[in-house]
PDB file of all heavy atoms in Angstrom:
ATOM      1  N   GLY A   1     -20.129  24.272 -18.125  1.00  0.00           N
ATOM      2  CA  GLY A   1     -20.726  23.511 -17.034  1.00  0.00           C
ATOM      3  C   GLY A   1     -19.909  22.282 -16.652  1.00  0.00           C
ATOM      4  O   GLY A   1     -19.633  22.068 -15.457  1.00  0.00           O
ATOM      5  N   PRO A   2     -19.492  21.441 -17.616  1.00  0.00           N
ATOM      6  CA  PRO A   2     -18.662  20.278 -17.267  1.00  0.00           C
ATOM      7  C   PRO A   2     -17.346  20.661 -16.599  1.00  0.00           C
ATOM      8  O   PRO A   2     -16.912  20.011 -15.647  1.00  0.00           O
ATOM      9  CB  PRO A   2     -18.433  19.604 -18.617  1.00  0.00           C
ATOM     10  CG  PRO A   2     -19.620  19.973 -19.432  1.00  0.00           C
ATOM     11  CD  PRO A   2     -19.939  21.382 -19.017  1.00  0.00           C
ATOM     12  N   LEU A   3     -16.706  21.732 -17.078  1.00  0.00           N
ATOM     13  CA  LEU A   3     -15.452  22.162 -16.448  1.00  0.00           C
ATOM     14  C   LEU A   3     -15.707  22.691 -15.042  1.00  0.00           C
ATOM     15  O   LEU A   3     -14.910  22.444 -14.123  1.00  0.00           O
ATOM     16  CB  LEU A   3     -14.765  23.234 -17.290  1.00  0.00           C
ATOM     17  CG  LEU A   3     -14.210  22.800 -18.647  1.00  0.00           C
ATOM     18  CD1 LEU A   3     -13.487  23.964 -19.312  1.00  0.00           C
ATOM     19  CD2 LEU A   3     -13.282  21.616 -18.525  1.00  0.00           C
ATOM     20  N   HIS A   4     -16.797  23.421 -14.846  1.00  0.00           N
ATOM     21  CA  HIS A   4     -17.150  23.877 -13.498  1.00  0.00           C
ATOM     22  C   HIS A   4     -17.306  22.676 -12.558  1.00  0.00           C
ATOM     23  O   HIS A   4     -16.821  22.686 -11.417  1.00  0.00           O
ATOM     24  CB  HIS A   4     -18.475  24.658 -13.523  1.00  0.00           C
ATOM     25  CG  HIS A   4     -18.369  26.054 -14.033  1.00  0.00           C
ATOM     26  ND1 HIS A   4     -17.258  26.851 -13.849  1.00  0.00           N
ATOM     27  CD2 HIS A   4     -19.279  26.826 -14.723  1.00  0.00           C
ATOM     28  CE1 HIS A   4     -17.471  28.037 -14.393  1.00  0.00           C
ATOM     29  NE2 HIS A   4     -18.682  28.040 -14.933  1.00  0.00           N
ATOM     30  N   ALA A   5     -17.996  21.642 -13.039  1.00  0.00           N
ATOM     31  CA  ALA A   5     -18.258  20.473 -12.196  1.00  0.00           C
ATOM     32  C   ALA A   5     -16.975  19.774 -11.796  1.00  0.00           C
ATOM     33  O   ALA A   5     -16.788  19.394 -10.633  1.00  0.00           O
ATOM     34  CB  ALA A   5     -19.192  19.507 -12.929  1.00  0.00           C
ATOM     35  N   VAL A   6     -16.047  19.595 -12.755  1.00  0.00           N
ATOM     36  CA  VAL A   6     -14.784  18.915 -12.455  1.00  0.00           C
ATOM     37  C   VAL A   6     -13.912  19.778 -11.549  1.00  0.00           C
ATOM     38  O   VAL A   6     -13.292  19.286 -10.597  1.00  0.00           O
ATOM     39  CB  VAL A   6     -14.041  18.561 -13.756  1.00  0.00           C
ATOM     40  CG1 VAL A   6     -12.671  17.958 -13.453  1.00  0.00           C
ATOM     41  CG2 VAL A   6     -14.871  17.570 -14.581  1.00  0.00           C
ATOM     42  N   ALA A   7     -13.868  21.091 -11.813  1.00  0.00           N
ATOM     43  CA  ALA A   7     -13.085  21.992 -10.970  1.00  0.00           C
ATOM     44  C   ALA A   7     -13.635  22.020  -9.547  1.00  0.00           C
ATOM     45  O   ALA A   7     -12.876  22.061  -8.568  1.00  0.00           O
ATOM     46  CB  ALA A   7     -13.078  23.397 -11.573  1.00  0.00           C
ATOM     47  N   GLN A   8     -14.952  21.998  -9.411  1.00  0.00           N
ATOM     48  CA  GLN A   8     -15.558  21.995  -8.082  1.00  0.00           C
ATOM     49  C   GLN A   8     -15.209  20.723  -7.324  1.00  0.00           C
ATOM     50  O   GLN A   8     -14.916  20.761  -6.125  1.00  0.00           O
ATOM     51  CB  GLN A   8     -17.076  22.143  -8.206  1.00  0.00           C
ATOM     52  CG  GLN A   8     -17.799  22.284  -6.878  1.00  0.00           C
ATOM     53  CD  GLN A   8     -17.351  23.521  -6.099  1.00  0.00           C
ATOM     54  OE1 GLN A   8     -17.062  24.562  -6.693  1.00  0.00           O
ATOM     55  NE2 GLN A   8     -17.294  23.422  -4.780  1.00  0.00           N
ATOM     56  N   LYS A   9     -15.234  19.601  -8.024  1.00  0.00           N
ATOM     57  CA  LYS A   9     -14.875  18.338  -7.390  1.00  0.00           C
ATOM     58  C   LYS A   9     -13.431  18.362  -6.919  1.00  0.00           C
ATOM     59  O   LYS A   9     -13.101  17.869  -5.841  1.00  0.00           O
ATOM     60  CB  LYS A   9     -15.098  17.193  -8.379  1.00  0.00           C
ATOM     61  CG  LYS A   9     -14.891  15.813  -7.779  1.00  0.00           C
ATOM     62  CD  LYS A   9     -15.268  14.732  -8.786  1.00  0.00           C
ATOM     63  CE  LYS A   9     -15.080  13.334  -8.179  1.00  0.00           C
ATOM     64  NZ  LYS A   9     -15.476  12.268  -9.139  1.00  0.00           N
ATOM     65  N   ARG A  10     -12.560  18.965  -7.721  1.00  0.00           N
ATOM     66  CA  ARG A  10     -11.150  19.093  -7.346  1.00  0.00           C
ATOM     67  C   ARG A  10     -11.014  19.980  -6.112  1.00  0.00           C
ATOM     68  O   ARG A  10     -10.251  19.662  -5.191  1.00  0.00           O
ATOM     69  CB  ARG A  10     -10.352  19.689  -8.502  1.00  0.00           C
ATOM     70  CG  ARG A  10     -10.070  18.715  -9.618  1.00  0.00           C
ATOM     71  CD  ARG A  10      -8.966  17.754  -9.255  1.00  0.00           C
ATOM     72  NE  ARG A  10      -7.713  18.486  -9.065  1.00  0.00           N
ATOM     73  CZ  ARG A  10      -6.718  18.067  -8.284  1.00  0.00           C
ATOM     74  NH1 ARG A  10      -6.844  16.955  -7.594  1.00  0.00           N
ATOM     75  NH2 ARG A  10      -5.609  18.759  -8.177  1.00  0.00           N
ATOM     76  N   ALA A  11     -11.716  21.102  -6.099  1.00  0.00           N
ATOM     77  CA  ALA A  11     -11.619  22.030  -4.963  1.00  0.00           C
ATOM     78  C   ALA A  11     -12.081  21.352  -3.682  1.00  0.00           C
ATOM     79  O   ALA A  11     -11.440  21.488  -2.623  1.00  0.00           O
ATOM     80  CB  ALA A  11     -12.448  23.285  -5.252  1.00  0.00           C
ATOM     81  N   GLU A  12     -13.176  20.622  -3.751  1.00  0.00           N
ATOM     82  CA  GLU A  12     -13.696  19.943  -2.561  1.00  0.00           C
ATOM     83  C   GLU A  12     -12.759  18.831  -2.099  1.00  0.00           C
ATOM     84  O   GLU A  12     -12.615  18.597  -0.890  1.00  0.00           O
ATOM     85  CB  GLU A  12     -15.086  19.387  -2.870  1.00  0.00           C
ATOM     86  CG  GLU A  12     -16.133  20.489  -3.048  1.00  0.00           C
ATOM     87  CD  GLU A  12     -17.453  19.968  -3.587  1.00  0.00           C
ATOM     88  OE1 GLU A  12     -17.566  18.731  -3.808  1.00  0.00           O
ATOM     89  OE2 GLU A  12     -18.382  20.783  -3.791  1.00  0.00           O
ATOM     90  N   ALA A  13     -12.091  18.158  -3.033  1.00  0.00           N
ATOM     91  CA  ALA A  13     -11.132  17.113  -2.663  1.00  0.00           C
ATOM     92  C   ALA A  13      -9.924  17.709  -1.940  1.00  0.00           C
ATOM     93  O   ALA A  13      -9.416  17.149  -0.963  1.00  0.00           O
ATOM     94  CB  ALA A  13     -10.693  16.346  -3.903  1.00  0.00           C
ATOM     95  N   ILE A  14      -9.459  18.865  -2.433  1.00  0.00           N
ATOM     96  CA  ILE A  14      -8.329  19.534  -1.779  1.00  0.00           C
ATOM     97  C   ILE A  14      -8.730  19.998  -0.383  1.00  0.00           C
ATOM     98  O   ILE A  14      -7.966  19.875   0.582  1.00  0.00           O
ATOM     99  CB  ILE A  14      -7.842  20.720  -2.645  1.00  0.00           C
ATOM    100  CG1 ILE A  14      -7.225  20.193  -3.947  1.00  0.00           C
ATOM    101  CG2 ILE A  14      -6.819  21.566  -1.881  1.00  0.00           C
ATOM    102  CD1 ILE A  14      -6.937  21.279  -4.962  1.00  0.00           C
ATOM    103  N   GLN A  15      -9.935  20.532  -0.261  1.00  0.00           N
ATOM    104  CA  GLN A  15     -10.423  20.966   1.048  1.00  0.00           C
ATOM    105  C   GLN A  15     -10.502  19.789   2.017  1.00  0.00           C
ATOM    106  O   GLN A  15     -10.072  19.895   3.177  1.00  0.00           O
ATOM    107  CB  GLN A  15     -11.805  21.603   0.895  1.00  0.00           C
ATOM    108  CG  GLN A  15     -12.435  22.031   2.223  1.00  0.00           C
ATOM    109  CD  GLN A  15     -13.767  22.732   2.022  1.00  0.00           C
ATOM    110  OE1 GLN A  15     -13.858  23.710   1.298  1.00  0.00           O
ATOM    111  NE2 GLN A  15     -14.810  22.222   2.662  1.00  0.00           N
ATOM    112  N   ALA A  16     -11.028  18.655   1.552  1.00  0.00           N
ATOM    113  CA  ALA A  16     -11.136  17.466   2.406  1.00  0.00           C
ATOM    114  C   ALA A  16      -9.768  16.925   2.785  1.00  0.00           C
ATOM    115  O   ALA A  16      -9.562  16.446   3.909  1.00  0.00           O
ATOM    116  CB  ALA A  16     -11.954  16.390   1.694  1.00  0.00           C
ATOM    117  N   HIS A  17      -8.825  17.022   1.861  1.00  0.00           N
ATOM    118  CA  HIS A  17      -7.459  16.558   2.119  1.00  0.00           C
ATOM    119  C   HIS A  17      -6.741  17.455   3.119  1.00  0.00           C
ATOM    120  O   HIS A  17      -5.839  17.009   3.839  1.00  0.00           O
ATOM    121  CB  HIS A  17      -6.685  16.498   0.795  1.00  0.00           C
ATOM    122  CG  HIS A  17      -5.276  16.059   0.911  1.00  0.00           C
ATOM    123  ND1 HIS A  17      -4.914  14.782   1.271  1.00  0.00           N
ATOM    124  CD2 HIS A  17      -4.100  16.738   0.719  1.00  0.00           C
ATOM    125  CE1 HIS A  17      -3.590  14.682   1.289  1.00  0.00           C
ATOM    126  NE2 HIS A  17      -3.081  15.863   0.962  1.00  0.00           N
ATOM    127  N   GLY A  18      -7.109  18.724   3.142  1.00  0.00           N
ATOM    128  CA  GLY A  18      -6.512  19.664   4.077  1.00  0.00           C
ATOM    129  C   GLY A  18      -5.226  20.295   3.591  1.00  0.00           C
ATOM    130  O   GLY A  18      -4.499  20.918   4.363  1.00  0.00           O
ATOM    131  N   GLY A  19      -4.923  20.154   2.303  1.00  0.00           N
ATOM    132  CA  GLY A  19      -3.692  20.746   1.776  1.00  0.00           C
ATOM    133  C   GLY A  19      -3.632  20.619   0.270  1.00  0.00           C
ATOM    134  O   GLY A  19      -4.369  19.840  -0.347  1.00  0.00           O
ATOM    135  N   LEU A  20      -2.758  21.408  -0.320  1.00  0.00           N
ATOM    136  CA  LEU A  20      -2.556  21.359  -1.762  1.00  0.00           C
ATOM    137  C   LEU A  20      -1.853  20.062  -2.153  1.00  0.00           C
ATOM    138  O   LEU A  20      -1.115  19.493  -1.355  1.00  0.00           O
ATOM    139  CB  LEU A  20      -1.715  22.562  -2.207  1.00  0.00           C
ATOM    140  CG  LEU A  20      -2.340  23.928  -1.930  1.00  0.00           C
ATOM    141  CD1 LEU A  20      -1.341  25.033  -2.200  1.00  0.00           C
ATOM    142  CD2 LEU A  20      -3.583  24.128  -2.773  1.00  0.00           C
ATOM    143  N   PRO A  21      -2.076  19.561  -3.378  1.00  0.00           N
ATOM    144  CA  PRO A  21      -1.448  18.301  -3.796  1.00  0.00           C
ATOM    145  C   PRO A  21       0.060  18.419  -3.867  1.00  0.00           C
ATOM    146  O   PRO A  21       0.600  19.447  -4.276  1.00  0.00           O
ATOM    147  CB  PRO A  21      -2.056  18.059  -5.179  1.00  0.00           C
ATOM    148  CG  PRO A  21      -2.512  19.403  -5.649  1.00  0.00           C
ATOM    149  CD  PRO A  21      -2.923  20.142  -4.430  1.00  0.00           C
ATOM    150  N   ASP A  22       0.748  17.343  -3.417  1.00  0.00           N
ATOM    151  CA  ASP A  22       2.201  17.338  -3.530  1.00  0.00           C
ATOM    152  C   ASP A  22       2.593  16.841  -4.914  1.00  0.00           C
ATOM    153  O   ASP A  22       1.764  16.532  -5.764  1.00  0.00           O
ATOM    154  CB  ASP A  22       2.834  16.480  -2.424  1.00  0.00           C
ATOM    155  CG  ASP A  22       2.356  15.038  -2.463  1.00  0.00           C
ATOM    156  OD1 ASP A  22       1.944  14.558  -3.537  1.00  0.00           O
ATOM    157  OD2 ASP A  22       2.380  14.382  -1.401  1.00  0.00           O
ATOM    158  N   GLU A  23       3.895  16.734  -5.157  1.00  0.00           N
ATOM    159  CA  GLU A  23       4.383  16.378  -6.486  1.00  0.00           C
ATOM    160  C   GLU A  23       3.908  14.996  -6.911  1.00  0.00           C
ATOM    161  O   GLU A  23       3.529  14.780  -8.067  1.00  0.00           O
ATOM    162  CB  GLU A  23       5.915  16.443  -6.514  1.00  0.00           C
ATOM    163  CG  GLU A  23       6.507  16.215  -7.895  1.00  0.00           C
ATOM    164  CD  GLU A  23       8.005  16.431  -7.921  1.00  0.00           C
ATOM    165  OE1 GLU A  23       8.559  16.921  -6.917  1.00  0.00           O
ATOM    166  OE2 GLU A  23       8.622  16.105  -8.945  1.00  0.00           O
ATOM    167  N   ALA A  24       3.916  14.042  -5.982  1.00  0.00           N
ATOM    168  CA  ALA A  24       3.480  12.688  -6.318  1.00  0.00           C
ATOM    169  C   ALA A  24       2.012  12.673  -6.717  1.00  0.00           C
ATOM    170  O   ALA A  24       1.617  12.011  -7.686  1.00  0.00           O
ATOM    171  CB  ALA A  24       3.719  11.750  -5.141  1.00  0.00           C
ATOM    172  N   GLU A  25       1.191  13.423  -5.995  1.00  0.00           N
ATOM    173  CA  GLU A  25      -0.229  13.490  -6.331  1.00  0.00           C
ATOM    174  C   GLU A  25      -0.441  14.181  -7.668  1.00  0.00           C
ATOM    175  O   GLU A  25      -1.316  13.795  -8.453  1.00  0.00           O
ATOM    176  CB  GLU A  25      -0.987  14.235  -5.232  1.00  0.00           C
ATOM    177  CG  GLU A  25      -1.066  13.480  -3.910  1.00  0.00           C
ATOM    178  CD  GLU A  25      -1.630  14.348  -2.797  1.00  0.00           C
ATOM    179  OE1 GLU A  25      -1.239  15.524  -2.701  1.00  0.00           O
ATOM    180  OE2 GLU A  25      -2.453  13.839  -2.044  1.00  0.00           O
ATOM    181  N   ALA A  26       0.379  15.177  -7.954  1.00  0.00           N
ATOM    182  CA  ALA A  26       0.251  15.901  -9.214  1.00  0.00           C
ATOM    183  C   ALA A  26       0.518  14.991 -10.403  1.00  0.00           C
ATOM    184  O   ALA A  26      -0.091  15.135 -11.465  1.00  0.00           O
ATOM    185  CB  ALA A  26       1.213  17.088  -9.237  1.00  0.00           C
ATOM    186  N   MET A  27       1.424  14.027 -10.230  1.00  0.00           N
ATOM    187  CA  MET A  27       1.738  13.106 -11.323  1.00  0.00           C
ATOM    188  C   MET A  27       0.553  12.219 -11.674  1.00  0.00           C
ATOM    189  O   MET A  27       0.437  11.726 -12.790  1.00  0.00           O
ATOM    190  CB  MET A  27       2.941  12.236 -10.948  1.00  0.00           C
ATOM    191  CG  MET A  27       4.240  13.002 -10.808  1.00  0.00           C
ATOM    192  SD  MET A  27       4.717  13.857 -12.334  1.00  0.00           S
ATOM    193  CE  MET A  27       5.098  12.448 -13.378  1.00  0.00           C
ATOM    194  N   ASN A  28      -0.330  11.985 -10.703  1.00  0.00           N
ATOM    195  CA  ASN A  28      -1.514  11.170 -10.949  1.00  0.00           C
ATOM    196  C   ASN A  28      -2.693  11.989 -11.469  1.00  0.00           C
ATOM    197  O   ASN A  28      -3.758  11.446 -11.750  1.00  0.00           O
ATOM    198  CB  ASN A  28      -1.943  10.449  -9.661  1.00  0.00           C
ATOM    199  CG  ASN A  28      -0.902   9.449  -9.204  1.00  0.00           C
ATOM    200  OD1 ASN A  28      -0.270   8.788 -10.017  1.00  0.00           O
ATOM    201  ND2 ASN A  28      -0.732   9.333  -7.893  1.00  0.00           N
ATOM    202  N   LEU A  29      -2.488  13.290 -11.575  1.00  0.00           N
ATOM    203  CA  LEU A  29      -3.593  14.178 -11.909  1.00  0.00           C
ATOM    204  C   LEU A  29      -4.087  13.975 -13.334  1.00  0.00           C
ATOM    205  O   LEU A  29      -5.284  14.065 -13.609  1.00  0.00           O
ATOM    206  CB  LEU A  29      -3.149  15.625 -11.717  1.00  0.00           C
ATOM    207  CG  LEU A  29      -4.225  16.706 -11.886  1.00  0.00           C
ATOM    208  CD1 LEU A  29      -5.295  16.542 -10.831  1.00  0.00           C
ATOM    209  CD2 LEU A  29      -3.594  18.084 -11.799  1.00  0.00           C
ATOM    210  N   PHE A  30      -3.174  13.685 -14.242  1.00  0.00           N
ATOM    211  CA  PHE A  30      -3.513  13.570 -15.658  1.00  0.00           C
ATOM    212  C   PHE A  30      -4.694  12.631 -15.882  1.00  0.00           C
ATOM    213  O   PHE A  30      -5.718  13.009 -16.421  1.00  0.00           O
ATOM    214  CB  PHE A  30      -2.285  13.092 -16.441  1.00  0.00           C
ATOM    215  CG  PHE A  30      -2.576  12.684 -17.850  1.00  0.00           C
ATOM    216  CD1 PHE A  30      -2.621  13.625 -18.859  1.00  0.00           C
ATOM    217  CD2 PHE A  30      -2.816  11.361 -18.162  1.00  0.00           C
ATOM    218  CE1 PHE A  30      -2.891  13.245 -20.159  1.00  0.00           C
ATOM    219  CE2 PHE A  30      -3.083  10.976 -19.455  1.00  0.00           C
ATOM    220  CZ  PHE A  30      -3.124  11.913 -20.453  1.00  0.00           C
TER     221      PHE A  30
END
């Protein structure tokens, strides 16, 4: 359940952003 919630939040953020994260954004992902 916790992983579903975090993954869903990530999916919705990508949708709102309108594109997949670039390299700079990926570095902040951790």
